Amino acid sequence: MQHAVGSPLPPPHQPGQGPGTGWASAGHHPGPHPGVSPGPAQVPPPPSPGFPVPPGPMPPVAVPPALPAAPAGQAPAGPAPAQPAPDTTGHVPLPPGGPVGVPMAPPAAAVVPDPTATTLAVLLIGPAGAGKTSVARYWAEHRRVPTAHISLDDVREWVRSGFADPQTGWNDNSEAQYRLARRTCGFAARNFLANGITCILDDAVFPDRPVVGLGGWKRHVGPGLLPVVLLPGLDVVLERNAERSGNRRLTDEEVARIHGRMAGWYGSGLPIVDNSQLDVPGTARVLDEVLARAIASPPSW
């Protein structure tokens, strides 16, 4: 059997030689010849594969300068540790707690901030068929500053296998998935807001369940969340719901029941927009007006 021919093995370690290198130690080479000025140290080229190392002394090898001796009782100084590379991704670490503080009311002589160019956290509330998703998406797309739309139903439907559809009966599984979706939306909103991106969320929050509804969103996003209620008339809600398909479409009885519960927002102190006679762009303009007043005088909720 034949083997590939390579470089010969190095000779065994001898006194005065570097371990396993095959090169004579630089301390055994004769000094420079008289009359000849020493030139810069040269590093010998590696031997060509397949040829033995020629006998005889080799040119001196450049030796790196030794580190300064450390004082007695101290460890020798080593090379300086490498500095970590700066973060150039533009990511802003999420601070602890809710980053959305309560908006401060400006002085009387100050100009009210423009809600179309201010970083905000908005919660759009309303029954099924009120137009929350359409208005929130349009409002987010036509802002002058970066804005994200986070829909609770979209996040809830991320669950594919094992999805607990409330239309088949409200139970512990559907309740747990709603809570999980709200926490996920809240964390996403905080992350966007911490990086300077406005967020608008939409959810059918009931006024008779404040701890689960507004209280949950306040815990997840922060005290500076600005809730606004979209509440058109029942006939408009029924008409819009009839245009839906899939599990987003509810029965007329369910829509009427939800709409009746949403009427409890009247007298709550939250801004309410009746968009029965408004299209999506018109509702978005009214939403900007409502938010401008909310910034100037934050609602108590």
Protein backbone atom coordinates (compact mmCIF):
# COMPACT_ATOMS: atom_id res chain seq x y z
CA MET A 1 0.00 0.00 0.00
CA GLN A 2 1.35 3.40 -0.95
CA HIS A 3 0.85 6.56 1.05
CA ALA A 4 0.84 10.15 -0.06
CA VAL A 5 4.23 11.75 0.11
CA GLY A 6 4.44 14.74 2.41
CA SER A 7 6.99 16.66 4.45
CA PRO A 8 9.33 14.49 6.54
CA LEU A 9 8.60 14.24 10.23
CA PRO A 10 10.56 16.70 12.44
CA PRO A 11 13.59 15.25 14.29
CA PRO A 12 13.17 14.30 17.92
CA HIS A 13 13.56 17.05 20.50
CA GLN A 14 17.22 17.74 21.31
CA PRO A 15 18.74 20.03 23.92
CA GLY A 16 19.03 23.54 22.60
CA GLN A 17 16.20 23.09 20.11
CA GLY A 18 12.63 24.40 20.26
CA PRO A 19 10.14 21.65 21.12
CA GLY A 20 8.82 20.01 18.00
CA THR A 21 9.85 22.75 15.59
CA GLY A 22 12.94 21.27 13.96
CA TRP A 23 14.62 24.69 14.05
CA ALA A 24 17.87 25.41 15.95
CA SER A 25 17.54 27.88 18.82
CA ALA A 26 18.50 31.43 17.96
CA GLY A 27 21.02 31.47 20.86
CA HIS A 28 23.31 28.91 19.08
CA HIS A 29 23.82 30.89 15.88
CA PRO A 30 27.16 32.66 15.45
CA GLY A 31 27.16 36.43 15.68
CA PRO A 32 27.49 38.76 12.69
CA HIS A 33 30.66 38.69 10.62
CA PRO A 34 33.12 41.52 11.18
CA GLY A 35 32.70 44.42 8.84
CA VAL A 36 29.21 43.47 7.86
CA SER A 37 26.35 45.53 9.28
CA PRO A 38 23.55 43.39 10.55
CA GLY A 39 20.39 43.75 8.53
CA PRO A 40 16.82 43.29 9.70
CA ALA A 41 15.89 39.89 10.99
CA GLN A 42 14.35 37.68 8.35
CA VAL A 43 11.81 34.96 8.93
CA PRO A 44 12.81 31.84 6.96
CA PRO A 45 10.26 30.64 4.42
CA PRO A 46 8.57 27.31 5.23
CA PRO A 47 10.12 24.26 3.56
CA SER A 48 8.54 23.12 0.34
CA PRO A 49 6.33 20.04 0.69
CA GLY A 50 8.08 16.82 -0.15
CA PHE A 51 11.67 18.10 0.33
CA PRO A 52 13.86 17.65 3.43
CA VAL A 53 15.08 20.62 5.45
CA PRO A 54 18.62 21.55 4.30
CA PRO A 55 21.33 21.09 6.93
CA GLY A 56 23.33 23.94 8.39
CA PRO A 57 22.57 27.01 10.42
CA MET A 58 19.44 29.00 9.56
CA PRO A 59 19.02 32.78 9.66
CA PRO A 60 17.93 34.20 13.02
CA VAL A 61 14.20 34.30 13.72
CA ALA A 62 12.60 37.55 14.87
CA VAL A 63 11.60 37.31 18.51
CA PRO A 64 8.76 39.53 19.82
CA PRO A 65 9.78 41.94 22.57
CA ALA A 66 9.30 40.63 26.07
CA LEU A 67 6.61 42.15 28.30
CA PRO A 68 7.96 44.34 31.14
CA ALA A 69 8.53 42.48 34.37
CA ALA A 70 5.78 42.89 36.95
CA PRO A 71 6.64 44.17 40.43
CA ALA A 72 7.13 41.61 43.14
CA GLY A 73 3.90 40.13 44.41
CA GLN A 74 1.90 41.01 41.31
CA ALA A 75 0.84 38.82 38.42
CA PRO A 76 2.66 39.47 35.13
CA ALA A 77 0.90 41.86 32.84
CA GLY A 78 -0.82 40.19 29.91
CA PRO A 79 -2.23 41.54 26.67
CA ALA A 80 -5.06 44.05 27.01
CA PRO A 81 -8.52 42.41 26.78
CA ALA A 82 -10.34 42.92 23.51
CA GLN A 83 -13.03 45.56 23.65
CA PRO A 84 -16.54 44.42 22.58
CA ALA A 85 -17.71 45.70 19.23
CA PRO A 86 -20.20 48.57 19.49
CA ASP A 87 -23.87 47.77 18.84
CA THR A 88 -24.68 49.12 15.41
CA THR A 89 -28.11 47.51 14.96
CA GLY A 90 -30.00 50.53 16.28
CA HIS A 91 -31.87 48.42 18.84
CA VAL A 92 -32.88 50.18 22.03
CA PRO A 93 -32.97 47.86 25.09
CA LEU A 94 -36.43 47.69 26.61
CA PRO A 95 -36.39 49.51 29.97
CA PRO A 96 -38.09 47.90 32.97
CA GLY A 97 -41.69 48.83 33.61
CA GLY A 98 -44.03 50.67 31.30
CA PRO A 99 -42.11 53.17 29.15
CA VAL A 100 -45.27 55.07 28.28
CA GLY A 101 -45.70 57.75 30.92
CA VAL A 102 -48.78 59.85 31.44
CA PRO A 103 -48.69 62.82 29.01
CA MET A 104 -48.04 66.07 30.81
CA ALA A 105 -50.54 68.85 30.17
CA PRO A 106 -48.78 71.76 28.43
CA PRO A 107 -48.95 75.27 29.91
CA ALA A 108 -51.83 77.48 28.83
CA ALA A 109 -49.62 79.54 26.54
CA ALA A 110 -47.91 76.49 25.01
CA VAL A 111 -48.92 75.02 21.69
CA VAL A 112 -50.68 71.66 21.94
CA PRO A 113 -48.49 68.94 20.37
CA ASP A 114 -49.54 67.74 16.96
CA PRO A 115 -50.87 64.18 17.44
CA THR A 116 -49.91 63.30 13.86
CA ALA A 117 -46.21 63.86 14.66
CA THR A 118 -46.05 62.69 18.29
CA THR A 119 -45.12 59.23 19.56
CA LEU A 120 -48.27 57.87 21.18
CA ALA A 121 -49.81 54.69 22.53
CA VAL A 122 -53.48 54.47 21.51
CA LEU A 123 -56.09 51.82 22.35
CA LEU A 124 -59.08 51.77 20.02
CA ILE A 125 -62.11 50.20 21.72
CA GLY A 126 -65.39 49.18 20.12
CA PRO A 127 -67.83 46.36 19.37
CA ALA A 128 -67.52 43.97 16.46
CA GLY A 129 -68.31 45.89 13.28
CA ALA A 130 -67.39 49.31 14.69
CA GLY A 131 -64.52 49.63 12.21
CA LYS A 132 -61.67 49.45 14.75
CA THR A 133 -59.27 47.47 12.56
CA SER A 134 -59.95 49.49 9.41
CA VAL A 135 -59.59 52.84 11.18
CA ALA A 136 -56.49 51.77 13.11
CA ARG A 137 -54.77 50.48 9.97
CA TYR A 138 -55.60 53.64 7.98
CA TRP A 139 -54.54 55.91 10.85
CA ALA A 140 -51.21 54.07 11.17
CA GLU A 141 -50.52 54.18 7.43
CA HIS A 142 -51.07 57.95 7.13
CA ARG A 143 -48.96 59.16 10.06
CA ARG A 144 -45.93 61.43 9.57
CA VAL A 145 -43.94 59.41 12.12
CA PRO A 146 -43.32 55.65 12.25
CA THR A 147 -46.47 53.94 13.51
CA ALA A 148 -47.38 50.29 14.09
CA HIS A 149 -50.86 48.76 14.17
CA ILE A 150 -51.27 45.81 16.55
CA SER A 151 -54.58 43.95 16.24
CA LEU A 152 -55.57 41.71 19.13
CA ASP A 153 -57.58 39.38 16.87
CA ASP A 154 -54.62 38.95 14.52
CA VAL A 155 -52.31 38.00 17.40
CA ARG A 156 -54.96 35.74 18.95
CA GLU A 157 -55.29 33.86 15.65
CA TRP A 158 -51.57 33.10 15.59
CA VAL A 159 -52.64 29.93 17.40
CA ARG A 160 -53.47 27.48 14.62
CA SER A 161 -53.68 24.04 16.20
CA GLY A 162 -55.73 24.19 19.37
CA PHE A 163 -57.26 27.60 18.64
CA ALA A 164 -60.05 28.26 21.14
CA ASP A 165 -62.75 30.05 19.14
CA PRO A 166 -65.15 31.93 21.45
CA GLN A 167 -67.92 31.42 18.89
CA THR A 168 -68.01 27.76 19.81
CA GLY A 169 -68.46 28.66 23.47
CA TRP A 170 -66.59 30.85 25.91
CA ASN A 171 -64.50 28.67 28.20
CA ASP A 172 -61.25 28.60 30.15
CA ASN A 173 -59.20 27.94 26.99
CA SER A 174 -60.61 30.91 25.07
CA GLU A 175 -60.19 33.14 28.14
CA ALA A 176 -56.55 32.01 28.54
CA GLN A 177 -55.78 32.65 24.87
CA TYR A 178 -57.29 36.12 25.06
CA ARG A 179 -55.14 36.94 28.08
CA LEU A 180 -52.04 35.56 26.36
CA ALA A 181 -52.77 37.60 23.20
CA ARG A 182 -53.20 40.78 25.27
CA ARG A 183 -49.88 40.24 27.04
CA THR A 184 -48.18 39.58 23.70
CA CYS A 185 -49.66 42.73 22.17
CA GLY A 186 -48.65 44.75 25.22
CA PHE A 187 -45.06 43.54 25.10
CA ALA A 188 -44.87 44.25 21.36
CA ALA A 189 -46.26 47.76 21.91
CA ARG A 190 -43.74 48.50 24.65
CA ASN A 191 -40.91 47.31 22.42
CA PHE A 192 -42.04 49.51 19.52
CA LEU A 193 -42.58 52.52 21.80
CA ALA A 194 -39.15 52.10 23.41
CA ASN A 195 -37.69 52.39 19.92
CA GLY A 196 -39.66 55.56 19.08
CA ILE A 197 -42.50 53.95 17.07
CA THR A 198 -46.11 54.92 17.82
CA CYS A 199 -48.54 52.06 18.43
CA ILE A 200 -52.29 51.78 17.99
CA LEU A 201 -54.00 48.68 19.35
CA ASP A 202 -57.62 47.61 18.88
CA ASP A 203 -59.69 45.43 21.17
CA ALA A 204 -63.32 44.95 22.19
CA VAL A 205 -62.86 45.98 25.83
CA PHE A 206 -66.02 45.81 27.94
CA PRO A 207 -66.68 48.53 30.53
CA ASP A 208 -68.12 46.01 33.01
CA ARG A 209 -64.79 44.16 33.20
CA PRO A 210 -62.31 46.96 33.96
CA VAL A 211 -59.69 44.75 35.62
CA VAL A 212 -59.42 42.42 32.61
CA GLY A 213 -59.93 45.15 30.00
CA LEU A 214 -58.49 48.60 30.62
CA GLY A 215 -56.64 47.49 33.73
CA GLY A 216 -54.88 44.75 31.79
CA TRP A 217 -53.88 47.07 28.95
CA LYS A 218 -52.64 49.65 31.45
CA ARG A 219 -50.44 47.03 33.10
CA HIS A 220 -49.12 45.69 29.79
CA VAL A 221 -48.46 48.99 27.96
CA GLY A 222 -48.18 51.70 30.62
CA PRO A 223 -50.16 54.50 32.25
CA GLY A 224 -49.74 56.77 29.24
CA LEU A 225 -52.02 54.63 27.06
CA LEU A 226 -54.76 56.77 25.47
CA PRO A 227 -58.07 54.84 25.08
CA VAL A 228 -60.68 55.97 22.55
CA VAL A 229 -64.08 54.30 22.02
CA LEU A 230 -65.62 53.84 18.56
CA LEU A 231 -69.35 53.32 19.02
CA PRO A 232 -71.58 53.69 15.95
CA GLY A 233 -75.28 52.87 16.00
CA LEU A 234 -76.52 49.29 16.24
CA ASP A 235 -77.89 49.25 12.68
CA VAL A 236 -74.48 50.29 11.30
CA VAL A 237 -72.70 47.64 13.36
CA LEU A 238 -75.10 44.94 12.15
CA GLU A 239 -74.60 45.99 8.54
CA ARG A 240 -70.81 45.96 8.79
CA ASN A 241 -70.80 42.63 10.59
CA ALA A 242 -72.88 41.08 7.79
CA GLU A 243 -70.05 41.92 5.35
CA ARG A 244 -67.56 39.83 7.33
CA SER A 245 -66.65 36.21 6.71
CA GLY A 246 -65.09 33.36 8.61
CA ASN A 247 -64.82 33.39 12.38
CA ARG A 248 -64.81 37.21 12.41
CA ARG A 249 -68.53 37.23 11.58
CA LEU A 250 -70.86 36.98 14.56
CA THR A 251 -74.56 36.32 14.81
CA ASP A 252 -76.90 39.31 14.98
CA GLU A 253 -77.86 38.37 18.53
CA GLU A 254 -74.22 38.34 19.63
CA VAL A 255 -73.52 41.68 17.94
CA ALA A 256 -76.54 43.27 19.63
CA ARG A 257 -75.47 41.90 23.01
CA ILE A 258 -71.91 43.24 22.64
CA HIS A 259 -73.17 46.61 21.43
CA GLY A 260 -75.46 46.89 24.45
CA ARG A 261 -72.57 46.20 26.82
CA MET A 262 -70.40 48.80 25.03
CA ALA A 263 -73.00 51.47 25.81
CA GLY A 264 -71.65 51.37 29.34
CA TRP A 265 -68.71 53.51 28.18
CA TYR A 266 -71.02 56.55 28.14
CA GLY A 267 -70.35 58.48 31.33
CA SER A 268 -66.99 56.75 31.87
CA GLY A 269 -64.95 59.83 30.99
CA LEU A 270 -63.33 58.18 27.97
CA PRO A 271 -63.65 59.96 24.58
CA ILE A 272 -66.34 58.34 22.41
CA VAL A 273 -66.55 58.73 18.63
CA ASP A 274 -69.83 57.92 16.89
CA ASN A 275 -68.64 57.10 13.38
CA SER A 276 -72.06 56.08 12.05
CA GLN A 277 -71.93 58.78 9.35
CA LEU A 278 -68.16 58.81 8.86
CA ASP A 279 -65.99 56.86 6.47
CA VAL A 280 -62.58 55.53 7.44
CA PRO A 281 -60.55 58.69 6.52
CA GLY A 282 -63.10 60.92 8.24
CA THR A 283 -62.98 58.79 11.38
CA ALA A 284 -59.18 58.97 11.37
CA ARG A 285 -59.33 62.78 11.24
CA VAL A 286 -61.73 62.86 14.19
CA LEU A 287 -59.40 60.47 16.03
CA ASP A 288 -56.56 62.97 15.62
CA GLU A 289 -58.73 65.72 17.09
CA VAL A 290 -59.68 63.53 20.05
CA LEU A 291 -56.03 62.60 20.68
CA ALA A 292 -54.98 66.26 20.58
CA ARG A 293 -57.44 67.01 23.39
CA ALA A 294 -56.33 63.89 25.28
CA ILE A 295 -52.70 65.03 25.13
CA ALA A 296 -53.65 68.47 26.43
CA SER A 297 -55.85 66.99 29.19
CA PRO A 298 -55.18 63.28 29.75
CA PRO A 299 -58.31 61.31 30.70
CA SER A 300 -58.54 59.78 34.15
CA TRP A 301 -59.13 56.06 33.88
